């Protein structure tokens, strides 16, 4: 066979093969279009049908109990904190909080904690209500859901178990816990407080950014080190940080100014007269320490006889203060030193010392002290019980193996429950005291400020 004949024959075979493949592909495509598919029947109509109930038009969307999943977490403490926060805000607005439920399910990646809101079975009322929660930044999104009556009863029981279990007093006290035990839970608490700050929730242009996990872990370690170094009540120290700035590093009270006889190094002079100068005295960083208060704190530091080499290097104040370049970590040390000095000044009276941190030694602010005390009690309960969850020896798997009751089965008779005990209501989220409180003043502020 000649070479030309071979290639001619090979070309004809390739054309036949190509034609056969194209024919098969066309018939396969047409067969797929004409093939009858059996689709499962919907549990309920895809499009809700309007009804008239009690002389009112409704648009039901669920054949059973209507609900909406509004949040999902993989950390039980984080889930419970947000669950309590949503309930607290709803209770403050006079709404029914019994329809807000916290549930736990087991997933392929571990326990998942979900917050549900039981809605009216009416799109005309459920959607506006959920949208209002979104508008108040209490939830970021929602997913409409439907439960059978058995599902609903089971999830109610599960949510009640969280409340009951978290209401049991903790066997371990805050004072008995070491930094290693406290650090993870404290970092999560700091993140939660920064996320629920009113400025963050309402999203103003000047709103600070919530803490990242890295920032929260570092700040938690700094707070624990400073509280131990100065022998401070940790819960009240945390209360001060929450009331001042919800632990976020942002300056405040930017318009505040004070008169002085003469300008000092690093002063920002706003106005001069023959005998006095007006200088800026804004509040700095996480602990909202004013510039003039920081001068006083630095003088206390220079006179202090404690061994500051016991503190990590990043927490040690410099010998020479530069008001225009102060690290926020060092501000934590100054805040601890101020609080320690106030406690010593008032003979250990925590209420007066905390009030003086805001109102000054001569005029302690009782409203501020009450706010700090509320946060302190909340922080104590959270930390005492969250550490139980973090302990592999005592921390239960708390609902990790619980499965939601299927609609065709009865709810289980018993369930594992968590042994941690956060408080029944969240503390104030605003870093500012009530509007009718006395004008705020930082500690050691001059009487004529």
Protein backbone atom coordinates (compact mmCIF):
# COMPACT_ATOMS: atom_id res chain seq x y z
CA UNK A 1 0.00 0.00 0.00
CA UNK A 2 1.32 3.38 -0.99
CA UNK A 3 1.81 6.14 1.56
CA UNK A 4 -0.79 8.31 -0.17
CA UNK A 5 -3.38 5.57 0.02
CA UNK A 6 -2.66 4.98 3.68
CA UNK A 7 -3.25 8.60 4.64
CA UNK A 8 -6.43 8.78 2.48
CA UNK A 9 -7.85 5.75 4.24
CA UNK A 10 -6.87 7.09 7.68
CA UNK A 11 -8.63 10.41 6.94
CA UNK A 12 -11.88 8.65 5.91
CA UNK A 13 -11.88 6.60 9.15
CA UNK A 14 -11.33 9.70 11.26
CA UNK A 15 -14.23 11.47 9.56
CA UNK A 16 -16.52 8.48 10.15
CA UNK A 17 -15.51 8.34 13.85
CA UNK A 18 -16.11 12.08 14.29
CA UNK A 19 -19.55 11.85 12.67
CA UNK A 20 -20.50 8.91 14.90
CA UNK A 21 -19.46 10.76 18.04
CA UNK A 22 -21.39 13.88 17.04
CA UNK A 23 -24.50 11.78 16.37
CA UNK A 24 -24.27 10.12 19.77
CA UNK A 25 -23.81 13.51 21.47
CA UNK A 26 -26.85 15.00 19.73
CA UNK A 27 -29.09 12.07 20.67
CA UNK A 28 -27.79 12.11 24.28
CA UNK A 29 -28.60 15.82 24.55
CA UNK A 30 -32.10 15.36 23.12
CA UNK A 31 -32.69 12.39 25.41
CA UNK A 32 -31.71 14.45 28.42
CA UNK A 33 -34.20 17.14 27.46
CA UNK A 34 -37.05 14.70 26.95
CA UNK A 35 -36.31 12.40 29.90
CA UNK A 36 -38.98 12.50 32.62
CA UNK A 37 -37.56 13.39 36.07
CA UNK A 38 -39.34 12.49 39.28
CA UNK A 39 -39.07 15.46 41.65
CA UNK A 40 -39.90 15.10 45.36
CA UNK A 41 -43.10 16.82 46.37
CA UNK A 42 -42.70 19.99 48.42
CA UNK A 43 -43.68 19.79 52.08
CA UNK A 44 -45.64 22.98 51.66
CA UNK A 45 -46.56 25.29 48.77
CA UNK A 46 -43.61 27.16 47.29
CA UNK A 47 -45.70 30.31 47.07
CA UNK A 48 -47.71 31.19 50.19
CA UNK A 49 -51.40 31.72 49.69
CA UNK A 50 -52.98 34.77 51.39
CA UNK A 51 -55.71 34.18 53.96
CA UNK A 52 -58.07 36.22 56.05
CA UNK A 53 -57.71 35.64 59.80
CA UNK A 54 -59.67 37.72 62.28
CA UNK A 55 -60.56 40.36 59.72
CA UNK A 56 -56.85 40.70 58.83
CA UNK A 57 -54.95 39.65 55.74
CA UNK A 58 -52.09 37.23 56.50
CA UNK A 59 -49.54 35.50 54.30
CA UNK A 60 -48.62 32.23 56.08
CA UNK A 61 -45.37 30.59 54.97
CA UNK A 62 -45.10 27.61 57.32
CA UNK A 63 -47.36 24.59 57.80
CA UNK A 64 -46.10 24.31 61.40
CA UNK A 65 -44.32 26.62 63.81
CA UNK A 66 -42.68 29.52 61.98
CA UNK A 67 -39.16 30.48 63.01
CA UNK A 68 -36.04 32.18 61.72
CA UNK A 69 -32.41 31.26 62.32
CA UNK A 70 -30.62 34.53 63.10
CA UNK A 71 -27.12 33.47 64.19
CA UNK A 72 -24.77 30.48 64.19
CA UNK A 73 -21.70 30.03 66.40
CA UNK A 74 -19.12 27.31 66.99
CA UNK A 75 -18.21 28.55 70.47
CA UNK A 76 -20.66 28.07 73.31
CA UNK A 77 -19.58 31.12 75.32
CA UNK A 78 -19.82 33.38 72.29
CA UNK A 79 -23.25 31.96 71.45
CA UNK A 80 -24.61 32.40 74.94
CA UNK A 81 -23.27 35.96 75.26
CA UNK A 82 -25.00 37.00 72.04
CA UNK A 83 -28.14 35.07 72.97
CA UNK A 84 -28.37 36.94 76.27
CA UNK A 85 -27.56 40.22 74.58
CA UNK A 86 -30.40 39.88 72.06
CA UNK A 87 -32.81 38.90 74.81
CA UNK A 88 -31.68 41.80 76.97
CA UNK A 89 -32.19 44.32 74.19
CA UNK A 90 -35.60 42.90 73.36
CA UNK A 91 -36.63 42.95 77.02
CA UNK A 92 -35.55 46.59 77.25
CA UNK A 93 -37.90 47.36 74.34
CA UNK A 94 -40.77 45.53 76.04
CA UNK A 95 -40.85 42.61 73.59
CA UNK A 96 -41.48 38.96 74.38
CA UNK A 97 -38.11 37.26 74.93
CA UNK A 98 -39.51 33.74 75.37
CA UNK A 99 -39.58 33.28 71.61
CA UNK A 100 -35.80 33.71 71.34
CA UNK A 101 -34.21 30.27 71.63
CA UNK A 102 -30.65 28.94 71.81
CA UNK A 103 -30.14 25.45 70.42
CA UNK A 104 -27.18 23.13 69.89
CA UNK A 105 -26.63 20.55 67.16
CA UNK A 106 -23.79 18.25 66.22
CA UNK A 107 -22.18 18.87 62.83
CA UNK A 108 -19.34 17.30 60.89
CA UNK A 109 -17.00 20.06 62.11
CA UNK A 110 -18.13 19.95 65.74
CA UNK A 111 -20.89 21.45 67.88
CA UNK A 112 -22.88 24.27 66.35
CA UNK A 113 -24.93 26.70 68.43
CA UNK A 114 -27.84 28.41 66.73
CA UNK A 115 -30.09 31.26 67.82
CA UNK A 116 -33.68 31.17 66.57
CA UNK A 117 -36.53 33.65 66.77
CA UNK A 118 -40.03 32.17 66.75
CA UNK A 119 -42.05 34.38 64.40
CA UNK A 120 -45.67 34.93 63.52
CA UNK A 121 -46.70 32.61 60.71
CA UNK A 122 -47.25 35.63 58.52
CA UNK A 123 -44.74 37.12 56.12
CA UNK A 124 -46.45 40.49 56.46
CA UNK A 125 -45.43 40.72 60.14
CA UNK A 126 -42.47 38.33 60.44
CA UNK A 127 -40.31 39.98 57.76
CA UNK A 128 -40.73 43.55 59.11
CA UNK A 129 -39.89 42.35 62.64
CA UNK A 130 -36.76 40.52 61.50
CA UNK A 131 -35.77 43.47 59.34
CA UNK A 132 -36.12 45.69 62.41
CA UNK A 133 -33.72 43.41 64.30
CA UNK A 134 -31.31 43.78 61.39
CA UNK A 135 -31.75 47.54 61.45
CA UNK A 136 -30.86 47.60 65.16
CA UNK A 137 -27.78 45.48 64.32
CA UNK A 138 -28.92 42.75 66.70
CA UNK A 139 -28.69 40.21 63.86
CA UNK A 140 -26.78 40.26 60.58
CA UNK A 141 -29.18 38.08 58.59
CA UNK A 142 -32.01 35.59 58.97
CA UNK A 143 -33.22 32.37 57.37
CA UNK A 144 -36.91 31.51 57.59
CA UNK A 145 -37.59 28.03 58.89
CA UNK A 146 -40.47 25.75 59.86
CA UNK A 147 -40.77 23.33 62.76
CA UNK A 148 -43.27 20.68 63.70
CA UNK A 149 -44.85 21.00 67.11
CA UNK A 150 -42.53 18.25 68.39
CA UNK A 151 -39.49 20.10 67.06
CA UNK A 152 -40.66 23.29 68.72
CA UNK A 153 -41.23 21.61 72.08
CA UNK A 154 -37.79 20.03 71.92
CA UNK A 155 -35.99 23.28 71.08
CA UNK A 156 -37.86 25.07 73.85
CA UNK A 157 -36.71 22.41 76.29
CA UNK A 158 -33.15 22.68 75.02
CA UNK A 159 -33.10 26.47 75.39
CA UNK A 160 -34.52 26.20 78.92
CA UNK A 161 -31.74 23.75 79.75
CA UNK A 162 -29.19 26.40 78.78
CA UNK A 163 -30.86 28.88 81.11
CA UNK A 164 -31.09 26.42 83.99
CA UNK A 165 -27.55 25.12 83.59
CA UNK A 166 -26.11 28.62 83.23
CA UNK A 167 -27.97 29.65 86.37
CA UNK A 168 -26.15 27.20 88.63
CA UNK A 169 -23.55 28.98 90.83
CA UNK A 170 -19.98 28.22 89.86
CA UNK A 171 -17.83 26.13 92.19
CA UNK A 172 -14.68 28.09 91.30
CA UNK A 173 -14.20 31.76 92.10
CA UNK A 174 -12.45 34.35 90.00
CA UNK A 175 -9.72 34.86 92.58
CA UNK A 176 -8.74 31.17 92.44
CA UNK A 177 -8.23 31.12 88.67
CA UNK A 178 -4.79 31.66 87.16
CA UNK A 179 -3.96 33.63 84.01
CA UNK A 180 -3.64 30.47 81.90
CA UNK A 181 -7.23 29.51 82.77
CA UNK A 182 -8.63 33.01 82.35
CA UNK A 183 -6.94 34.12 79.13
CA UNK A 184 -9.10 32.36 76.46
CA UNK A 185 -12.43 33.28 78.06
CA UNK A 186 -11.32 36.83 78.80
CA UNK A 187 -10.27 37.38 75.18
CA UNK A 188 -13.69 36.23 73.96
CA UNK A 189 -15.39 38.49 76.50
CA UNK A 190 -13.39 41.50 75.28
CA UNK A 191 -14.35 40.76 71.66
CA UNK A 192 -18.02 40.48 72.58
CA UNK A 193 -18.01 43.79 74.46
CA UNK A 194 -16.32 45.61 71.59
CA UNK A 195 -18.74 44.11 69.05
CA UNK A 196 -21.79 45.25 71.05
CA UNK A 197 -20.57 48.78 71.70
CA UNK A 198 -23.31 51.22 70.64
CA UNK A 199 -20.95 53.10 68.33
CA UNK A 200 -20.11 49.88 66.51
CA UNK A 201 -23.73 48.70 66.35
CA UNK A 202 -25.03 51.92 64.86
CA UNK A 203 -22.12 52.12 62.43
CA UNK A 204 -21.32 55.81 62.59
CA UNK A 205 -18.47 57.12 60.45
CA UNK A 206 -16.30 57.66 63.51
CA UNK A 207 -17.16 54.26 65.03
CA UNK A 208 -14.14 52.32 66.28
CA UNK A 209 -13.42 48.86 64.96
CA UNK A 210 -14.16 45.88 67.22
CA UNK A 211 -11.20 43.95 68.54
CA UNK A 212 -9.72 41.19 66.44
CA UNK A 213 -8.89 37.89 68.12
CA UNK A 214 -5.21 38.76 68.11
CA UNK A 215 -5.82 42.18 69.65
CA UNK A 216 -8.19 40.74 72.25
CA UNK A 217 -5.75 38.01 73.26
CA UNK A 218 -2.93 40.53 73.69
CA UNK A 219 -5.10 42.97 75.65
CA UNK A 220 -6.42 40.14 77.84
CA UNK A 221 -2.85 39.10 78.67
CA UNK A 222 -1.93 42.73 79.46
CA UNK A 223 -4.94 43.19 81.73
CA UNK A 224 -4.17 40.00 83.63
CA UNK A 225 -0.51 40.96 84.06
CA UNK A 226 -1.32 44.48 85.28
CA UNK A 227 -4.11 43.32 87.61
CA UNK A 228 -1.76 40.78 89.20
CA UNK A 229 1.13 43.25 89.44
CA UNK A 230 -0.90 45.92 91.25
CA UNK A 231 -3.11 43.43 93.13
CA UNK A 232 -6.28 44.85 91.57
CA UNK A 233 -9.78 43.34 91.69
CA UNK A 234 -9.89 41.96 88.14
CA UNK A 235 -13.65 42.24 87.78
CA UNK A 236 -13.68 45.95 88.64
CA UNK A 237 -10.66 46.62 86.45
CA UNK A 238 -12.57 45.05 83.57
CA UNK A 239 -15.60 47.13 84.49
CA UNK A 240 -13.57 50.32 84.13
CA UNK A 241 -12.32 49.26 80.68
CA UNK A 242 -15.86 48.48 79.52
CA UNK A 243 -17.33 51.75 80.79
CA UNK A 244 -14.54 53.84 79.34
CA UNK A 245 -14.22 52.52 75.79
CA UNK A 246 -15.38 48.88 75.63
CA UNK A 247 -11.67 47.95 75.38
CA UNK A 248 -11.12 49.66 72.01
CA UNK A 249 -8.08 51.82 71.33
CA UNK A 250 -9.57 55.12 70.20
CA UNK A 251 -9.22 58.63 71.58
CA UNK A 252 -12.25 60.42 73.01
CA UNK A 253 -13.51 63.73 74.37
CA UNK A 254 -11.47 65.44 71.67
CA UNK A 255 -12.85 68.92 72.41
CA UNK A 256 -11.94 68.85 76.09
CA UNK A 257 -9.39 71.48 77.18
CA UNK A 258 -8.05 72.83 80.47
CA UNK A 259 -6.47 76.07 81.64
CA UNK A 260 -2.96 76.01 83.14
CA UNK A 261 -0.63 78.64 84.51
CA UNK A 262 2.03 77.75 81.96
CA UNK A 263 2.51 75.35 79.08
CA UNK A 264 4.56 72.22 79.61
CA UNK A 265 6.47 69.93 77.32
CA UNK A 266 4.27 68.19 74.69
CA UNK A 267 1.27 70.43 75.44
CA UNK A 268 -1.06 71.30 72.58
CA UNK A 269 -1.72 74.99 73.25
CA UNK A 270 -5.12 76.20 72.06
CA UNK A 271 -5.21 79.68 73.56
CA UNK A 272 -3.01 82.06 75.53
CA UNK A 273 -3.72 84.93 77.91
CA UNK A 274 -1.39 87.01 80.02
CA UNK A 275 -1.46 84.60 82.98
CA UNK A 276 -2.77 81.29 81.65
CA UNK A 277 -2.80 78.96 78.68
CA UNK A 278 -5.51 76.64 77.43
CA UNK A 279 -4.26 73.22 76.36
CA UNK A 280 -5.94 70.19 74.80
CA UNK A 281 -6.82 67.49 77.31
CA UNK A 282 -8.47 64.76 75.26
CA UNK A 283 -8.80 61.21 76.58
CA UNK A 284 -6.42 58.60 75.23
CA UNK A 285 -6.83 54.98 74.19
CA UNK A 286 -8.57 52.03 75.75
CA UNK A 287 -8.67 53.50 79.25
CA UNK A 288 -9.59 57.07 78.27
CA UNK A 289 -6.85 58.66 80.37
CA UNK A 290 -6.64 62.41 79.69
CA UNK A 291 -3.32 64.03 78.90
CA UNK A 292 -3.17 65.89 82.20
CA UNK A 293 -4.18 62.77 84.14
CA UNK A 294 -1.42 60.88 82.36
CA UNK A 295 1.10 63.44 83.61
CA UNK A 296 -0.07 62.78 87.16
CA UNK A 297 0.04 59.00 86.60
CA UNK A 298 3.59 59.26 85.31
CA UNK A 299 4.65 61.12 88.45
CA UNK A 300 3.13 58.30 90.51
CA UNK A 301 5.12 55.83 88.42
CA UNK A 302 8.41 57.67 88.99
CA UNK A 303 7.81 57.63 92.75
CA UNK A 304 6.60 54.01 92.86
CA UNK A 305 8.94 51.51 94.54
CA UNK A 306 7.57 48.37 92.88
CA UNK A 307 9.87 46.24 90.75
CA UNK A 308 8.60 46.97 87.25
CA UNK A 309 10.94 44.37 85.77
CA UNK A 310 8.31 41.86 86.89
CA UNK A 311 6.08 43.27 84.14
CA UNK A 312 6.61 42.33 80.48
CA UNK A 313 8.78 44.87 78.67
CA UNK A 314 5.89 46.13 76.54
CA UNK A 315 3.99 47.17 79.70
CA UNK A 316 6.79 49.15 81.34
CA UNK A 317 6.40 52.95 81.10
CA UNK A 318 9.44 54.90 79.92
CA UNK A 319 11.33 57.12 82.35
CA UNK A 320 10.60 60.16 80.15
CA UNK A 321 6.95 60.61 79.16
CA UNK A 322 6.09 61.65 75.61
CA UNK A 323 2.40 62.61 75.62
CA UNK A 324 2.23 62.56 71.84
CA UNK A 325 3.54 59.00 71.54
CA UNK A 326 2.11 56.70 74.21
CA UNK A 327 1.63 53.01 73.46
CA UNK A 328 -1.80 51.66 74.38
CA UNK A 329 -0.20 48.73 76.22
CA UNK A 330 1.57 51.19 78.52
CA UNK A 331 -1.75 52.98 79.08
CA UNK A 332 -3.02 49.73 80.60
CA UNK A 333 -0.20 49.95 83.14
CA UNK A 334 -0.99 53.60 83.88
CA UNK A 335 -4.69 52.73 84.33
CA UNK A 336 -3.77 49.98 86.80
CA UNK A 337 -1.47 52.32 88.69
CA UNK A 338 -4.18 54.99 88.93
CA UNK A 339 -6.75 52.50 90.18
CA UNK A 340 -4.28 51.09 92.72
CA UNK A 341 -3.54 54.61 93.95
CA UNK A 342 -7.24 55.39 94.31
CA UNK A 343 -7.89 52.15 96.21
CA UNK A 344 -5.07 53.04 98.61
CA UNK A 345 -6.33 56.61 98.93
CA UNK A 346 -9.82 55.46 99.93
CA UNK A 347 -8.61 52.67 102.19
CA UNK A 348 -9.75 49.87 99.90
CA UNK A 349 -13.28 51.28 99.35
CA UNK A 350 -13.87 50.00 95.82
CA UNK A 351 -17.00 52.07 95.13
CA UNK A 352 -15.32 55.36 96.03
CA UNK A 353 -12.14 54.45 94.16
CA UNK A 354 -14.06 53.55 91.00
CA UNK A 355 -16.19 56.68 91.24
CA UNK A 356 -13.02 58.77 91.63
CA UNK A 357 -11.50 57.20 88.52
CA UNK A 358 -14.16 59.07 86.59
CA UNK A 359 -15.15 62.02 88.74
CA UNK A 360 -11.93 62.80 90.56
CA UNK A 361 -10.87 62.34 94.19
CA UNK A 362 -12.93 65.29 95.43
CA UNK A 363 -16.14 64.35 93.60
CA UNK A 364 -16.39 60.59 92.95
CA UNK A 365 -19.10 59.79 90.41
CA UNK A 366 -21.58 57.30 91.98
CA UNK A 367 -23.43 56.72 88.70
CA UNK A 368 -20.19 55.73 87.01
CA UNK A 369 -19.30 53.46 89.93
CA UNK A 370 -22.71 51.75 89.66
CA UNK A 371 -22.14 51.09 85.95
CA UNK A 372 -18.70 49.66 86.59
CA UNK A 373 -20.11 47.42 89.33
CA UNK A 374 -22.75 46.04 86.96
CA UNK A 375 -20.15 45.15 84.35
CA UNK A 376 -17.84 43.76 87.05
CA UNK A 377 -20.52 41.35 88.28
CA UNK A 378 -21.25 40.30 84.70
CA UNK A 379 -17.57 39.76 83.88
CA UNK A 380 -17.06 37.75 87.08
CA UNK A 381 -19.90 35.36 86.24
CA UNK A 382 -18.82 34.95 82.64
CA UNK A 383 -15.19 34.22 83.51
CA UNK A 384 -15.93 31.93 86.44
CA UNK A 385 -18.15 29.72 84.31
CA UNK A 386 -16.48 29.99 80.92
CA UNK A 387 -13.26 28.60 82.35
CA UNK A 388 -15.19 25.44 83.20
CA UNK A 389 -16.02 25.03 79.52
CA UNK A 390 -12.39 25.54 78.51
CA UNK A 391 -11.13 22.94 81.02
CA UNK A 392 -10.82 19.52 79.30
CA UNK A 393 -11.11 17.83 82.68
CA UNK A 394 -14.37 19.47 83.77
CA UNK A 395 -15.74 21.01 80.58
CA UNK A 396 -18.69 18.95 79.33
CA UNK A 397 -19.33 18.28 75.71
CA UNK A 398 -22.49 20.20 76.45
CA UNK A 399 -24.98 19.39 73.81
CA UNK A 400 -22.34 18.39 71.27
CA UNK A 401 -24.00 15.03 70.65
CA UNK A 402 -27.57 16.28 70.80
CA UNK A 403 -29.53 15.85 67.60
CA UNK A 404 -32.65 17.90 66.80
CA UNK A 405 -35.80 15.90 67.19
CA UNK A 406 -37.07 14.81 63.78
CA UNK A 407 -40.62 15.75 62.99
CA UNK A 408 -41.66 12.12 62.97
CA UNK A 409 -40.09 11.25 66.31
CA UNK A 410 -40.65 12.34 69.84
CA UNK A 411 -38.17 14.59 71.59
CA UNK A 412 -35.49 12.84 73.65
CA UNK A 413 -36.11 12.58 77.34
CA UNK A 414 -32.70 13.77 78.50
CA UNK A 415 -29.96 16.00 77.18
CA UNK A 416 -26.43 16.93 78.13
CA UNK A 417 -26.25 20.49 79.39
CA UNK A 418 -23.41 22.96 79.89
CA UNK A 419 -22.04 23.63 83.32
CA UNK A 420 -21.07 27.23 82.78
CA UNK A 421 -23.10 30.07 84.23
CA UNK A 422 -23.15 33.43 82.47
CA UNK A 423 -25.48 36.03 83.98
CA UNK A 424 -29.15 36.39 83.32
CA UNK A 425 -28.90 39.81 81.69
CA UNK A 426 -26.15 41.66 79.82
CA UNK A 427 -24.59 44.80 81.25
CA UNK A 428 -24.86 48.27 79.72
CA UNK A 429 -23.20 48.36 76.31
CA UNK A 430 -22.50 52.03 76.11
CA UNK A 431 -19.17 53.27 77.33
CA UNK A 432 -20.82 56.46 78.55
CA UNK A 433 -22.63 56.97 81.88
CA UNK A 434 -26.29 58.05 82.05
CA UNK A 435 -27.07 61.51 80.73
CA UNK A 436 -28.17 62.73 84.14
CA UNK A 437 -24.87 61.71 85.76
CA UNK A 438 -22.48 64.39 87.01
CA UNK A 439 -20.00 65.70 84.47
CA UNK A 440 -17.20 63.20 84.03
CA UNK A 441 -13.73 64.02 85.31
CA UNK A 442 -10.67 61.84 85.21
CA UNK A 443 -8.74 60.97 88.41
CA UNK A 444 -6.33 63.54 89.77
CA UNK A 445 -7.83 66.23 87.55
CA UNK A 446 -7.29 69.71 88.87
CA UNK A 447 -10.19 71.25 90.77
CA UNK A 448 -10.43 74.08 88.24
CA UNK A 449 -10.43 71.81 85.17
